[in-house]
Protein backbone atom coordinates (compact mmCIF):
# COMPACT_ATOMS: atom_id res chain seq x y z
CA MET A 1 8.44 8.04 13.71
CA THR A 2 11.71 5.89 13.44
CA ILE A 3 14.79 6.75 15.19
CA GLY A 4 18.37 5.68 13.66
CA THR A 5 21.90 7.12 12.87
CA VAL A 6 23.39 8.09 9.73
CA LYS A 7 25.48 4.95 8.32
CA PHE A 8 27.02 7.38 5.27
CA PHE A 9 25.57 10.24 3.30
CA ASN A 10 27.31 11.08 0.08
CA SER A 11 25.82 14.89 -1.09
CA THR A 12 27.65 14.03 -4.13
CA LYS A 13 25.31 11.53 -5.48
CA GLY A 14 22.61 12.33 -4.03
CA PHE A 15 21.56 9.09 -1.40
CA GLY A 16 22.77 7.46 2.05
CA PHE A 17 22.30 4.63 4.58
CA ILE A 18 20.32 5.21 7.64
CA SER A 19 20.48 2.06 10.49
CA PRO A 20 18.02 2.19 12.37
CA GLU A 21 17.99 2.18 16.17
CA GLY A 22 16.15 -1.21 17.25
CA GLY A 23 18.01 -2.99 14.07
CA GLY A 24 17.02 -4.46 11.37
CA LYS A 25 17.89 -3.87 7.73
CA ASP A 26 19.03 0.12 7.06
CA VAL A 27 17.15 2.62 5.27
CA PHE A 28 17.63 4.45 1.86
CA VAL A 29 17.39 8.01 2.07
CA HIS A 30 17.91 10.05 -0.75
CA ALA A 31 18.92 13.64 -1.27
CA THR A 32 15.27 14.68 -2.02
CA ALA A 33 14.31 13.86 1.41
CA VAL A 34 17.29 15.62 3.26
CA GLU A 35 15.76 19.11 1.06
CA ALA A 36 12.54 18.43 2.12
CA ALA A 37 13.26 18.75 5.86
CA GLY A 38 15.37 21.65 4.93
CA LEU A 39 18.69 20.19 5.61
CA ARG A 40 21.93 20.51 3.43
CA SER A 41 23.13 17.02 4.12
CA LEU A 42 23.73 14.36 6.20
CA ASN A 43 26.52 13.44 8.46
CA GLU A 44 27.99 10.09 9.51
CA GLY A 45 26.75 9.46 13.13
CA GLN A 46 24.08 11.53 12.89
CA GLN A 47 20.64 10.92 14.91
CA VAL A 48 17.86 11.53 13.42
CA SER A 49 14.16 10.39 13.55
CA PHE A 50 11.88 9.69 9.72
CA ASP A 51 9.14 8.08 9.08
CA ILE A 52 10.05 4.67 6.69
CA GLN A 53 8.06 5.19 2.78
CA PRO A 54 7.56 1.54 0.63
CA ASP A 55 10.03 2.12 -2.67
CA ALA A 56 9.64 0.25 -5.25
CA ARG A 57 13.23 -1.17 -4.65
CA GLY A 58 12.30 -1.77 -0.75
CA SER A 59 11.95 1.32 1.61
CA LYS A 60 13.19 4.72 1.44
CA ALA A 61 13.46 7.44 4.63
CA ALA A 62 11.17 10.30 4.22
CA ASN A 63 9.98 13.27 7.02
CA LEU A 64 13.44 13.63 7.88
CA LYS A 65 14.06 15.63 11.38
CA ALA A 66 17.79 15.76 12.83
CA VAL A 67 17.68 14.59 17.07
């Protein structure tokens, strides 16, 4: 699991990005991952733990948990 901070999340568009704690490239997060975690939305600055999964466009966050 990786720890990171929500950079932004647009609930209208259904996506956002998380900045990993140790630096590196921001990770895409889709609304389906948020819903699967039982969360309604993500807030800017919120700490989360997540797994990074390969995606057609790079990588995406999965298995989100609020920290």
